[in-house]
Amino acid sequence: MTAELAVALLGVVTLLGGLFSVGTVALEQVRVTDAARVGARAVARGEPATTVAALSERAAGRPVTVAVGADGDLVRVTVTGRVRLALPGAPSLEVTGTASVPAEQTAVTR
């Protein structure tokens, strides 16, 4: 009975590690997407690239790569981060979030 218990326990631990990894990747996907939205709003307001990167990184809560691009009247910000999986020896995954907003043409002054 000891061998069966060991195999069953290994299976349960592997399953829990896999579930935890899926949850971690999903959470990081939400974070980078939110960070891209923050960055896109900053770009649309006319913030410099260093400020956009700093705001996006702060929103992501970890070091990320921020790319800013324009497509006609849209400003697109892409934030990319890496996620380490919970299973030993598992590779890290790359998650990417993108957000687009219309570029503001003029600033409102009072």
PDB file of N, CA and C in Angstrom:
ATOM      1  N   MET A   1       0.817  -1.200   0.000  1.00  0.00           N
ATOM      2  CA  MET A   1       0.000   0.000   0.000  1.00  0.00           C
ATOM      3  C   MET A   1       0.857   1.260   0.000  1.00  0.00           C
ATOM      4  N   THR A   2       2.081   1.192   0.410  1.00  0.00           N
ATOM      5  CA  THR A   2       2.949   2.356   0.471  1.00  0.00           C
ATOM      6  C   THR A   2       3.275   2.874  -0.931  1.00  0.00           C
ATOM      7  N   ALA A   3       3.550   1.996  -1.890  1.00  0.00           N
ATOM      8  CA  ALA A   3       3.866   2.417  -3.253  1.00  0.00           C
ATOM      9  C   ALA A   3       2.660   3.088  -3.905  1.00  0.00           C
ATOM     10  N   GLU A   4       1.475   2.537  -3.689  1.00  0.00           N
ATOM     11  CA  GLU A   4       0.269   3.138  -4.263  1.00  0.00           C
ATOM     12  C   GLU A   4       0.018   4.519  -3.674  1.00  0.00           C
ATOM     13  N   LEU A   5       0.231   4.663  -2.393  1.00  0.00           N
ATOM     14  CA  LEU A   5       0.036   5.954  -1.735  1.00  0.00           C
ATOM     15  C   LEU A   5       1.036   6.979  -2.270  1.00  0.00           C
ATOM     16  N   ALA A   6       2.276   6.563  -2.480  1.00  0.00           N
ATOM     17  CA  ALA A   6       3.299   7.465  -2.996  1.00  0.00           C
ATOM     18  C   ALA A   6       2.955   7.927  -4.408  1.00  0.00           C
ATOM     19  N   VAL A   7       2.499   7.016  -5.245  1.00  0.00           N
ATOM     20  CA  VAL A   7       2.117   7.375  -6.614  1.00  0.00           C
ATOM     21  C   VAL A   7       0.905   8.301  -6.596  1.00  0.00           C
ATOM     22  N   ALA A   8      -0.077   8.000  -5.768  1.00  0.00           N
ATOM     23  CA  ALA A   8      -1.268   8.845  -5.671  1.00  0.00           C
ATOM     24  C   ALA A   8      -0.908  10.235  -5.159  1.00  0.00           C
ATOM     25  N   LEU A   9      -0.036  10.305  -4.170  1.00  0.00           N
ATOM     26  CA  LEU A   9       0.378  11.593  -3.615  1.00  0.00           C
ATOM     27  C   LEU A   9       1.131  12.411  -4.665  1.00  0.00           C
ATOM     28  N   LEU A  10       1.986  11.756  -5.429  1.00  0.00           N
ATOM     29  CA  LEU A  10       2.709  12.439  -6.501  1.00  0.00           C
ATOM     30  C   LEU A  10       1.728  12.995  -7.534  1.00  0.00           C
ATOM     31  N   GLY A  11       0.724  12.226  -7.869  1.00  0.00           N
ATOM     32  CA  GLY A  11      -0.286  12.686  -8.820  1.00  0.00           C
ATOM     33  C   GLY A  11      -1.055  13.892  -8.296  1.00  0.00           C
ATOM     34  N   VAL A  12      -1.418  13.869  -7.030  1.00  0.00           N
ATOM     35  CA  VAL A  12      -2.158  14.984  -6.431  1.00  0.00           C
ATOM     36  C   VAL A  12      -1.291  16.240  -6.400  1.00  0.00           C
ATOM     37  N   VAL A  13      -0.030  16.099  -6.019  1.00  0.00           N
ATOM     38  CA  VAL A  13       0.875  17.248  -5.968  1.00  0.00           C
ATOM     39  C   VAL A  13       1.091  17.824  -7.366  1.00  0.00           C
ATOM     40  N   THR A  14       1.250  16.978  -8.358  1.00  0.00           N
ATOM     41  CA  THR A  14       1.427  17.445  -9.728  1.00  0.00           C
ATOM     42  C   THR A  14       0.172  18.162 -10.224  1.00  0.00           C
ATOM     43  N   LEU A  15      -0.986  17.625  -9.930  1.00  0.00           N
ATOM     44  CA  LEU A  15      -2.243  18.261 -10.325  1.00  0.00           C
ATOM     45  C   LEU A  15      -2.394  19.625  -9.664  1.00  0.00           C
ATOM     46  N   LEU A  16      -2.112  19.719  -8.373  1.00  0.00           N
ATOM     47  CA  LEU A  16      -2.213  20.999  -7.674  1.00  0.00           C
ATOM     48  C   LEU A  16      -1.202  22.009  -8.209  1.00  0.00           C
ATOM     49  N   GLY A  17       0.009  21.549  -8.516  1.00  0.00           N
ATOM     50  CA  GLY A  17       1.003  22.440  -9.103  1.00  0.00           C
ATOM     51  C   GLY A  17       0.566  22.955 -10.458  1.00  0.00           C
ATOM     52  N   GLY A  18      -0.046  22.084 -11.263  1.00  0.00           N
ATOM     53  CA  GLY A  18      -0.558  22.504 -12.560  1.00  0.00           C
ATOM     54  C   GLY A  18      -1.681  23.516 -12.439  1.00  0.00           C
ATOM     55  N   LEU A  19      -2.594  23.284 -11.516  1.00  0.00           N
ATOM     56  CA  LEU A  19      -3.698  24.222 -11.296  1.00  0.00           C
ATOM     57  C   LEU A  19      -3.185  25.570 -10.800  1.00  0.00           C
ATOM     58  N   PHE A  20      -2.218  25.529  -9.904  1.00  0.00           N
ATOM     59  CA  PHE A  20      -1.639  26.764  -9.391  1.00  0.00           C
ATOM     60  C   PHE A  20      -0.928  27.524 -10.519  1.00  0.00           C
ATOM     61  N   SER A  21      -0.251  26.801 -11.398  1.00  0.00           N
ATOM     62  CA  SER A  21       0.437  27.437 -12.530  1.00  0.00           C
ATOM     63  C   SER A  21      -0.556  28.108 -13.471  1.00  0.00           C
ATOM     64  N   VAL A  22      -1.659  27.450 -13.752  1.00  0.00           N
ATOM     65  CA  VAL A  22      -2.681  28.037 -14.623  1.00  0.00           C
ATOM     66  C   VAL A  22      -3.236  29.313 -13.989  1.00  0.00           C
ATOM     67  N   GLY A  23      -3.491  29.274 -12.700  1.00  0.00           N
ATOM     68  CA  GLY A  23      -3.977  30.464 -12.002  1.00  0.00           C
ATOM     69  C   GLY A  23      -2.971  31.602 -12.028  1.00  0.00           C
ATOM     70  N   THR A  24      -1.705  31.271 -11.864  1.00  0.00           N
ATOM     71  CA  THR A  24      -0.651  32.285 -11.886  1.00  0.00           C
ATOM     72  C   THR A  24      -0.548  32.940 -13.255  1.00  0.00           C
ATOM     73  N   VAL A  25      -0.612  32.148 -14.310  1.00  0.00           N
ATOM     74  CA  VAL A  25      -0.548  32.691 -15.670  1.00  0.00           C
ATOM     75  C   VAL A  25      -1.762  33.576 -15.945  1.00  0.00           C
ATOM     76  N   ALA A  26      -2.935  33.155 -15.528  1.00  0.00           N
ATOM     77  CA  ALA A  26      -4.149  33.951 -15.743  1.00  0.00           C
ATOM     78  C   ALA A  26      -4.062  35.286 -15.011  1.00  0.00           C
ATOM     79  N   LEU A  27      -3.583  35.266 -13.782  1.00  0.00           N
ATOM     80  CA  LEU A  27      -3.443  36.493 -13.000  1.00  0.00           C
ATOM     81  C   LEU A  27      -2.434  37.434 -13.654  1.00  0.00           C
ATOM     82  N   GLU A  28      -1.325  36.910 -14.128  1.00  0.00           N
ATOM     83  CA  GLU A  28      -0.322  37.745 -14.781  1.00  0.00           C
ATOM     84  C   GLU A  28      -0.855  38.317 -16.089  1.00  0.00           C
ATOM     85  N   GLN A  29      -1.682  37.556 -16.801  1.00  0.00           N
ATOM     86  CA  GLN A  29      -2.296  38.068 -18.035  1.00  0.00           C
ATOM     87  C   GLN A  29      -3.171  39.278 -17.730  1.00  0.00           C
ATOM     88  N   VAL A  30      -3.932  39.213 -16.665  1.00  0.00           N
ATOM     89  CA  VAL A  30      -4.768  40.347 -16.269  1.00  0.00           C
ATOM     90  C   VAL A  30      -3.893  41.535 -15.894  1.00  0.00           C
ATOM     91  N   ARG A  31      -2.808  41.290 -15.182  1.00  0.00           N
ATOM     92  CA  ARG A  31      -1.917  42.378 -14.764  1.00  0.00           C
ATOM     93  C   ARG A  31      -1.290  43.091 -15.953  1.00  0.00           C
ATOM     94  N   VAL A  32      -0.772  42.339 -16.926  1.00  0.00           N
ATOM     95  CA  VAL A  32      -0.124  43.008 -18.065  1.00  0.00           C
ATOM     96  C   VAL A  32      -1.150  43.722 -18.940  1.00  0.00           C
ATOM     97  N   THR A  33      -2.362  43.202 -19.031  1.00  0.00           N
ATOM     98  CA  THR A  33      -3.409  43.887 -19.789  1.00  0.00           C
ATOM     99  C   THR A  33      -3.792  45.197 -19.105  1.00  0.00           C
ATOM    100  N   ASP A  34      -3.933  45.173 -17.780  1.00  0.00           N
ATOM    101  CA  ASP A  34      -4.213  46.408 -17.042  1.00  0.00           C
ATOM    102  C   ASP A  34      -3.059  47.401 -17.175  1.00  0.00           C
ATOM    103  N   ALA A  35      -1.842  46.896 -17.133  1.00  0.00           N
ATOM    104  CA  ALA A  35      -0.675  47.772 -17.282  1.00  0.00           C
ATOM    105  C   ALA A  35      -0.653  48.399 -18.675  1.00  0.00           C
ATOM    106  N   ALA A  36      -1.045  47.653 -19.694  1.00  0.00           N
ATOM    107  CA  ALA A  36      -1.117  48.199 -21.049  1.00  0.00           C
ATOM    108  C   ALA A  36      -2.176  49.296 -21.132  1.00  0.00           C
ATOM    109  N   ARG A  37      -3.289  49.112 -20.446  1.00  0.00           N
ATOM    110  CA  ARG A  37      -4.335  50.144 -20.436  1.00  0.00           C
ATOM    111  C   ARG A  37      -3.842  51.421 -19.774  1.00  0.00           C
ATOM    112  N   VAL A  38      -3.141  51.269 -18.661  1.00  0.00           N
ATOM    113  CA  VAL A  38      -2.580  52.435 -17.971  1.00  0.00           C
ATOM    114  C   VAL A  38      -1.602  53.157 -18.893  1.00  0.00           C
ATOM    115  N   GLY A  39      -0.736  52.406 -19.542  1.00  0.00           N
ATOM    116  CA  GLY A  39       0.229  53.005 -20.458  1.00  0.00           C
ATOM    117  C   GLY A  39      -0.432  53.682 -21.646  1.00  0.00           C
ATOM    118  N   ALA A  40      -1.465  53.069 -22.194  1.00  0.00           N
ATOM    119  CA  ALA A  40      -2.162  53.651 -23.346  1.00  0.00           C
ATOM    120  C   ALA A  40      -2.817  54.976 -22.971  1.00  0.00           C
ATOM    121  N   ARG A  41      -3.405  55.036 -21.790  1.00  0.00           N
ATOM    122  CA  ARG A  41      -4.002  56.305 -21.354  1.00  0.00           C
ATOM    123  C   ARG A  41      -2.940  57.382 -21.187  1.00  0.00           C
ATOM    124  N   ALA A  42      -1.786  56.997 -20.654  1.00  0.00           N
ATOM    125  CA  ALA A  42      -0.695  57.962 -20.469  1.00  0.00           C
ATOM    126  C   ALA A  42      -0.174  58.465 -21.813  1.00  0.00           C
ATOM    127  N   VAL A  43      -0.026  57.575 -22.783  1.00  0.00           N
ATOM    128  CA  VAL A  43       0.437  57.981 -24.118  1.00  0.00           C
ATOM    129  C   VAL A  43      -0.574  58.919 -24.764  1.00  0.00           C
ATOM    130  N   ALA A  44      -1.838  58.610 -24.631  1.00  0.00           N
ATOM    131  CA  ALA A  44      -2.883  59.439 -25.227  1.00  0.00           C
ATOM    132  C   ALA A  44      -2.891  60.846 -24.623  1.00  0.00           C
ATOM    133  N   ARG A  45      -2.468  60.947 -23.368  1.00  0.00           N
ATOM    134  CA  ARG A  45      -2.384  62.258 -22.720  1.00  0.00           C
ATOM    135  C   ARG A  45      -1.121  63.010 -23.115  1.00  0.00           C
ATOM    136  N   GLY A  46      -0.208  62.335 -23.799  1.00  0.00           N
ATOM    137  CA  GLY A  46       1.013  63.000 -24.236  1.00  0.00           C
ATOM    138  C   GLY A  46       2.190  62.831 -23.304  1.00  0.00           C
ATOM    139  N   GLU A  47       2.140  61.852 -22.421  1.00  0.00           N
ATOM    140  CA  GLU A  47       3.250  61.603 -21.495  1.00  0.00           C
ATOM    141  C   GLU A  47       4.458  61.077 -22.264  1.00  0.00           C
ATOM    142  N   PRO A  48       5.677  61.384 -21.799  1.00  0.00           N
ATOM    143  CA  PRO A  48       6.872  60.849 -22.458  1.00  0.00           C
ATOM    144  C   PRO A  48       7.006  59.344 -22.259  1.00  0.00           C
ATOM    145  N   ALA A  49       7.813  58.719 -23.112  1.00  0.00           N
ATOM    146  CA  ALA A  49       7.955  57.257 -23.096  1.00  0.00           C
ATOM    147  C   ALA A  49       8.464  56.734 -21.762  1.00  0.00           C
ATOM    148  N   THR A  50       9.344  57.469 -21.105  1.00  0.00           N
ATOM    149  CA  THR A  50       9.863  57.006 -19.804  1.00  0.00           C
ATOM    150  C   THR A  50       8.760  56.976 -18.757  1.00  0.00           C
ATOM    151  N   THR A  51       7.885  57.950 -18.797  1.00  0.00           N
ATOM    152  CA  THR A  51       6.759  57.981 -17.852  1.00  0.00           C
ATOM    153  C   THR A  51       5.784  56.856 -18.150  1.00  0.00           C
ATOM    154  N   VAL A  52       5.528  56.608 -19.433  1.00  0.00           N
ATOM    155  CA  VAL A  52       4.629  55.521 -19.834  1.00  0.00           C
ATOM    156  C   VAL A  52       5.168  54.188 -19.329  1.00  0.00           C
ATOM    157  N   ALA A  53       6.468  53.956 -19.521  1.00  0.00           N
ATOM    158  CA  ALA A  53       7.077  52.706 -19.064  1.00  0.00           C
ATOM    159  C   ALA A  53       7.014  52.580 -17.548  1.00  0.00           C
ATOM    160  N   ALA A  54       7.279  53.668 -16.847  1.00  0.00           N
ATOM    161  CA  ALA A  54       7.241  53.629 -15.379  1.00  0.00           C
ATOM    162  C   ALA A  54       5.825  53.367 -14.865  1.00  0.00           C
ATOM    163  N   LEU A  55       4.843  54.016 -15.456  1.00  0.00           N
ATOM    164  CA  LEU A  55       3.452  53.800 -15.035  1.00  0.00           C
ATOM    165  C   LEU A  55       3.006  52.368 -15.327  1.00  0.00           C
ATOM    166  N   SER A  56       3.381  51.861 -16.493  1.00  0.00           N
ATOM    167  CA  SER A  56       3.002  50.498 -16.856  1.00  0.00           C
ATOM    168  C   SER A  56       3.662  49.480 -15.928  1.00  0.00           C
ATOM    169  N   GLU A  57       4.932  49.691 -15.636  1.00  0.00           N
ATOM    170  CA  GLU A  57       5.635  48.762 -14.751  1.00  0.00           C
ATOM    171  C   GLU A  57       5.050  48.794 -13.344  1.00  0.00           C
ATOM    172  N   ARG A  58       4.702  49.981 -12.863  1.00  0.00           N
ATOM    173  CA  ARG A  58       4.086  50.094 -11.539  1.00  0.00           C
ATOM    174  C   ARG A  58       2.729  49.385 -11.519  1.00  0.00           C
ATOM    175  N   ALA A  59       1.966  49.522 -12.598  1.00  0.00           N
ATOM    176  CA  ALA A  59       0.653  48.861 -12.665  1.00  0.00           C
ATOM    177  C   ALA A  59       0.794  47.350 -12.734  1.00  0.00           C
ATOM    178  N   ALA A  60       1.843  46.868 -13.402  1.00  0.00           N
ATOM    179  CA  ALA A  60       2.057  45.421 -13.520  1.00  0.00           C
ATOM    180  C   ALA A  60       2.570  44.821 -12.211  1.00  0.00           C
ATOM    181  N   GLY A  61       3.262  45.619 -11.424  1.00  0.00           N
ATOM    182  CA  GLY A  61       3.758  45.120 -10.155  1.00  0.00           C
ATOM    183  C   GLY A  61       5.047  44.327 -10.265  1.00  0.00           C
ATOM    184  N   ARG A  62       5.670  44.341 -11.417  1.00  0.00           N
ATOM    185  CA  ARG A  62       6.929  43.621 -11.637  1.00  0.00           C
ATOM    186  C   ARG A  62       7.581  44.181 -12.889  1.00  0.00           C
ATOM    187  N   PRO A  63       8.859  43.875 -13.123  1.00  0.00           N
ATOM    188  CA  PRO A  63       9.511  44.361 -14.347  1.00  0.00           C
ATOM    189  C   PRO A  63       8.842  43.788 -15.606  1.00  0.00           C
ATOM    190  N   VAL A  64       8.546  44.660 -16.537  1.00  0.00           N
ATOM    191  CA  VAL A  64       7.915  44.272 -17.788  1.00  0.00           C
ATOM    192  C   VAL A  64       8.574  45.034 -18.933  1.00  0.00           C
ATOM    193  N   THR A  65       8.302  44.596 -20.146  1.00  0.00           N
ATOM    194  CA  THR A  65       8.755  45.289 -21.339  1.00  0.00           C
ATOM    195  C   THR A  65       7.572  46.051 -21.922  1.00  0.00           C
ATOM    196  N   VAL A  66       7.776  47.319 -22.226  1.00  0.00           N
ATOM    197  CA  VAL A  66       6.693  48.164 -22.734  1.00  0.00           C
ATOM    198  C   VAL A  66       7.063  48.644 -24.133  1.00  0.00           C
ATOM    199  N   ALA A  67       6.156  48.438 -25.082  1.00  0.00           N
ATOM    200  CA  ALA A  67       6.342  48.914 -26.457  1.00  0.00           C
ATOM    201  C   ALA A  67       5.175  49.818 -26.816  1.00  0.00           C
ATOM    202  N   VAL A  68       5.486  50.972 -27.397  1.00  0.00           N
ATOM    203  CA  VAL A  68       4.469  51.949 -27.774  1.00  0.00           C
ATOM    204  C   VAL A  68       4.496  52.102 -29.289  1.00  0.00           C
ATOM    205  N   GLY A  69       3.323  52.078 -29.892  1.00  0.00           N
ATOM    206  CA  GLY A  69       3.224  52.256 -31.335  1.00  0.00           C
ATOM    207  C   GLY A  69       1.980  53.026 -31.702  1.00  0.00           C
ATOM    208  N   ALA A  70       1.980  53.576 -32.893  1.00  0.00           N
ATOM    209  CA  ALA A  70       0.829  54.323 -33.379  1.00  0.00           C
ATOM    210  C   ALA A  70       0.308  53.652 -34.633  1.00  0.00           C
ATOM    211  N   ASP A  71      -1.010  53.647 -34.772  1.00  0.00           N
ATOM    212  CA  ASP A  71      -1.664  53.082 -35.941  1.00  0.00           C
ATOM    213  C   ASP A  71      -2.779  54.033 -36.349  1.00  0.00           C
ATOM    214  N   GLY A  72      -2.452  54.995 -37.176  1.00  0.00           N
ATOM    215  CA  GLY A  72      -3.437  56.001 -37.556  1.00  0.00           C
ATOM    216  C   GLY A  72      -3.753  56.891 -36.373  1.00  0.00           C
ATOM    217  N   ASP A  73      -5.024  56.944 -35.996  1.00  0.00           N
ATOM    218  CA  ASP A  73      -5.452  57.764 -34.868  1.00  0.00           C
ATOM    219  C   ASP A  73      -5.442  56.990 -33.552  1.00  0.00           C
ATOM    220  N   LEU A  74      -4.911  55.768 -33.555  1.00  0.00           N
ATOM    221  CA  LEU A  74      -4.857  54.963 -32.342  1.00  0.00           C
ATOM    222  C   LEU A  74      -3.434  54.889 -31.811  1.00  0.00           C
ATOM    223  N   VAL A  75      -3.339  54.873 -30.509  1.00  0.00           N
ATOM    224  CA  VAL A  75      -2.064  54.643 -29.837  1.00  0.00           C
ATOM    225  C   VAL A  75      -2.154  53.257 -29.213  1.00  0.00           C
ATOM    226  N   ARG A  76      -1.164  52.422 -29.494  1.00  0.00           N
ATOM    227  CA  ARG A  76      -1.183  51.043 -29.003  1.00  0.00           C
ATOM    228  C   ARG A  76       0.010  50.837 -28.068  1.00  0.00           C
ATOM    229  N   VAL A  77      -0.282  50.305 -26.882  1.00  0.00           N
ATOM    230  CA  VAL A  77       0.760  49.972 -25.917  1.00  0.00           C
ATOM    231  C   VAL A  77       0.702  48.469 -25.671  1.00  0.00           C
ATOM    232  N   THR A  78       1.862  47.826 -25.779  1.00  0.00           N
ATOM    233  CA  THR A  78       1.965  46.393 -25.537  1.00  0.00           C
ATOM    234  C   THR A  78       2.902  46.176 -24.364  1.00  0.00           C
ATOM    235  N   VAL A  79       2.427  45.445 -23.377  1.00  0.00           N
ATOM    236  CA  VAL A  79       3.218  45.141 -22.182  1.00  0.00           C
ATOM    237  C   VAL A  79       3.447  43.629 -22.150  1.00  0.00           C
ATOM    238  N   THR A  80       4.708  43.244 -21.988  1.00  0.00           N
ATOM    239  CA  THR A  80       5.083  41.838 -21.978  1.00  0.00           C
ATOM    240  C   THR A  80       5.807  41.515 -20.681  1.00  0.00           C
ATOM    241  N   GLY A  81       5.406  40.429 -20.043  1.00  0.00           N
ATOM    242  CA  GLY A  81       6.061  39.972 -18.815  1.00  0.00           C
ATOM    243  C   GLY A  81       6.298  38.475 -18.871  1.00  0.00           C
ATOM    244  N   ARG A  82       7.126  37.984 -17.972  1.00  0.00           N
ATOM    245  CA  ARG A  82       7.433  36.552 -17.900  1.00  0.00           C
ATOM    246  C   ARG A  82       6.861  35.996 -16.602  1.00  0.00           C
ATOM    247  N   VAL A  83       6.365  34.765 -16.680  1.00  0.00           N
ATOM    248  CA  VAL A  83       5.780  34.081 -15.533  1.00  0.00           C
ATOM    249  C   VAL A  83       6.538  32.780 -15.308  1.00  0.00           C
ATOM    250  N   ARG A  84       6.996  32.568 -14.094  1.00  0.00           N
ATOM    251  CA  ARG A  84       7.614  31.288 -13.738  1.00  0.00           C
ATOM    252  C   ARG A  84       6.518  30.371 -13.219  1.00  0.00           C
ATOM    253  N   LEU A  85       6.474  29.180 -13.751  1.00  0.00           N
ATOM    254  CA  LEU A  85       5.459  28.222 -13.340  1.00  0.00           C
ATOM    255  C   LEU A  85       5.840  27.575 -12.019  1.00  0.00           C
ATOM    256  N   ALA A  86       4.836  27.073 -11.314  1.00  0.00           N
ATOM    257  CA  ALA A  86       5.035  26.530  -9.973  1.00  0.00           C
ATOM    258  C   ALA A  86       5.706  25.159  -9.970  1.00  0.00           C
ATOM    259  N   LEU A  87       5.650  24.461 -11.072  1.00  0.00           N
ATOM    260  CA  LEU A  87       6.219  23.112 -11.112  1.00  0.00           C
ATOM    261  C   LEU A  87       7.739  23.173 -11.251  1.00  0.00           C
ATOM    262  N   PRO A  88       8.467  22.345 -10.517  1.00  0.00           N
ATOM    263  CA  PRO A  88       9.925  22.355 -10.633  1.00  0.00           C
ATOM    264  C   PRO A  88      10.370  21.954 -12.041  1.00  0.00           C
ATOM    265  N   GLY A  89      11.326  22.695 -12.572  1.00  0.00           N
ATOM    266  CA  GLY A  89      11.844  22.399 -13.896  1.00  0.00           C
ATOM    267  C   GLY A  89      10.974  22.881 -15.038  1.00  0.00           C
ATOM    268  N   ALA A  90       9.848  23.494 -14.730  1.00  0.00           N
ATOM    269  CA  ALA A  90       8.954  23.983 -15.784  1.00  0.00           C
ATOM    270  C   ALA A  90       9.509  25.285 -16.358  1.00  0.00           C
ATOM    271  N   PRO A  91       9.298  25.520 -17.635  1.00  0.00           N
ATOM    272  CA  PRO A  91       9.807  26.757 -18.246  1.00  0.00           C
ATOM    273  C   PRO A  91       8.979  27.957 -17.806  1.00  0.00           C
ATOM    274  N   SER A  92       9.541  29.131 -18.005  1.00  0.00           N
ATOM    275  CA  SER A  92       8.751  30.332 -17.762  1.00  0.00           C
ATOM    276  C   SER A  92       7.992  30.662 -19.048  1.00  0.00           C
ATOM    277  N   LEU A  93       6.873  31.313 -18.888  1.00  0.00           N
ATOM    278  CA  LEU A  93       6.033  31.669 -20.028  1.00  0.00           C
ATOM    279  C   LEU A  93       6.003  33.174 -20.207  1.00  0.00           C
ATOM    280  N   GLU A  94       5.789  33.607 -21.427  1.00  0.00           N
ATOM    281  CA  GLU A  94       5.664  35.026 -21.725  1.00  0.00           C
ATOM    282  C   GLU A  94       4.189  35.355 -21.910  1.00  0.00           C
ATOM    283  N   VAL A  95       3.734  36.394 -21.218  1.00  0.00           N
ATOM    284  CA  VAL A  95       2.354  36.854 -21.368  1.00  0.00           C
ATOM    285  C   VAL A  95       2.386  38.285 -21.883  1.00  0.00           C
ATOM    286  N   THR A  96       1.426  38.598 -22.739  1.00  0.00           N
ATOM    287  CA  THR A  96       1.394  39.906 -23.380  1.00  0.00           C
ATOM    288  C   THR A  96       0.001  40.495 -23.291  1.00  0.00           C
ATOM    289  N   GLY A  97      -0.051  41.770 -22.966  1.00  0.00           N
ATOM    290  CA  GLY A  97      -1.310  42.510 -22.951  1.00  0.00           C
ATOM    291  C   GLY A  97      -1.185  43.725 -23.849  1.00  0.00           C
ATOM    292  N   THR A  98      -2.225  44.021 -24.596  1.00  0.00           N
ATOM    293  CA  THR A  98      -2.217  45.157 -25.520  1.00  0.00           C
ATOM    294  C   THR A  98      -3.456  45.995 -25.296  1.00  0.00           C
ATOM    295  N   ALA A  99      -3.273  47.305 -25.379  1.00  0.00           N
ATOM    296  CA  ALA A  99      -4.402  48.224 -25.270  1.00  0.00           C
ATOM    297  C   ALA A  99      -4.233  49.330 -26.294  1.00  0.00           C
ATOM    298  N   SER A 100      -5.337  49.768 -26.854  1.00  0.00           N
ATOM    299  CA  SER A 100      -5.332  50.859 -27.833  1.00  0.00           C
ATOM    300  C   SER A 100      -6.347  51.904 -27.406  1.00  0.00           C
ATOM    301  N   VAL A 101      -5.973  53.157 -27.595  1.00  0.00           N
ATOM    302  CA  VAL A 101      -6.876  54.274 -27.306  1.00  0.00           C
ATOM    303  C   VAL A 101      -6.708  55.317 -28.396  1.00  0.00           C
ATOM    304  N   PRO A 102      -7.734  56.122 -28.628  1.00  0.00           N
ATOM    305  CA  PRO A 102      -7.575  57.219 -29.593  1.00  0.00           C
ATOM    306  C   PRO A 102      -6.598  58.251 -29.040  1.00  0.00           C
ATOM    307  N   ALA A 103      -5.729  58.746 -29.878  1.00  0.00           N
ATOM    308  CA  ALA A 103      -4.806  59.803 -29.473  1.00  0.00           C
ATOM    309  C   ALA A 103      -5.595  61.106 -29.368  1.00  0.00           C
ATOM    310  N   GLU A 104      -5.371  61.838 -28.307  1.00  0.00           N
ATOM    311  CA  GLU A 104      -6.070  63.120 -28.142  1.00  0.00           C
ATOM    312  C   GLU A 104      -5.410  64.147 -29.043  1.00  0.00           C
ATOM    313  N   GLN A 105      -6.234  64.897 -29.739  1.00  0.00           N
ATOM    314  CA  GLN A 105      -5.704  65.867 -30.709  1.00  0.00           C
ATOM    315  C   GLN A 105      -5.273  67.167 -30.050  1.00  0.00           C
ATOM    316  N   THR A 106      -6.074  67.656 -29.116  1.00  0.00           N
ATOM    317  CA  THR A 106      -5.745  68.919 -28.469  1.00  0.00           C
ATOM    318  C   THR A 106      -5.961  68.780 -26.977  1.00  0.00           C
ATOM    319  N   ALA A 107      -5.216  69.554 -26.225  1.00  0.00           N
ATOM    320  CA  ALA A 107      -5.375  69.550 -24.783  1.00  0.00           C
ATOM    321  C   ALA A 107      -6.457  70.557 -24.408  1.00  0.00           C
ATOM    322  N   VAL A 108      -7.241  70.246 -23.435  1.00  0.00           N
ATOM    323  CA  VAL A 108      -8.296  71.144 -22.958  1.00  0.00           C
ATOM    324  C   VAL A 108      -7.668  72.089 -21.937  1.00  0.00           C
ATOM    325  N   THR A 109      -7.807  73.371 -22.153  1.00  0.00           N
ATOM    326  CA  THR A 109      -7.273  74.360 -21.206  1.00  0.00           C
ATOM    327  C   THR A 109      -8.422  75.171 -20.648  1.00  0.00           C
ATOM    328  N   ARG A 110      -8.223  75.627 -19.435  1.00  0.00           N
ATOM    329  CA  ARG A 110      -9.260  76.445 -18.788  1.00  0.00           C
ATOM    330  C   ARG A 110      -8.746  77.823 -18.532  1.00  0.00           C
TER     331      ARG A 110
END
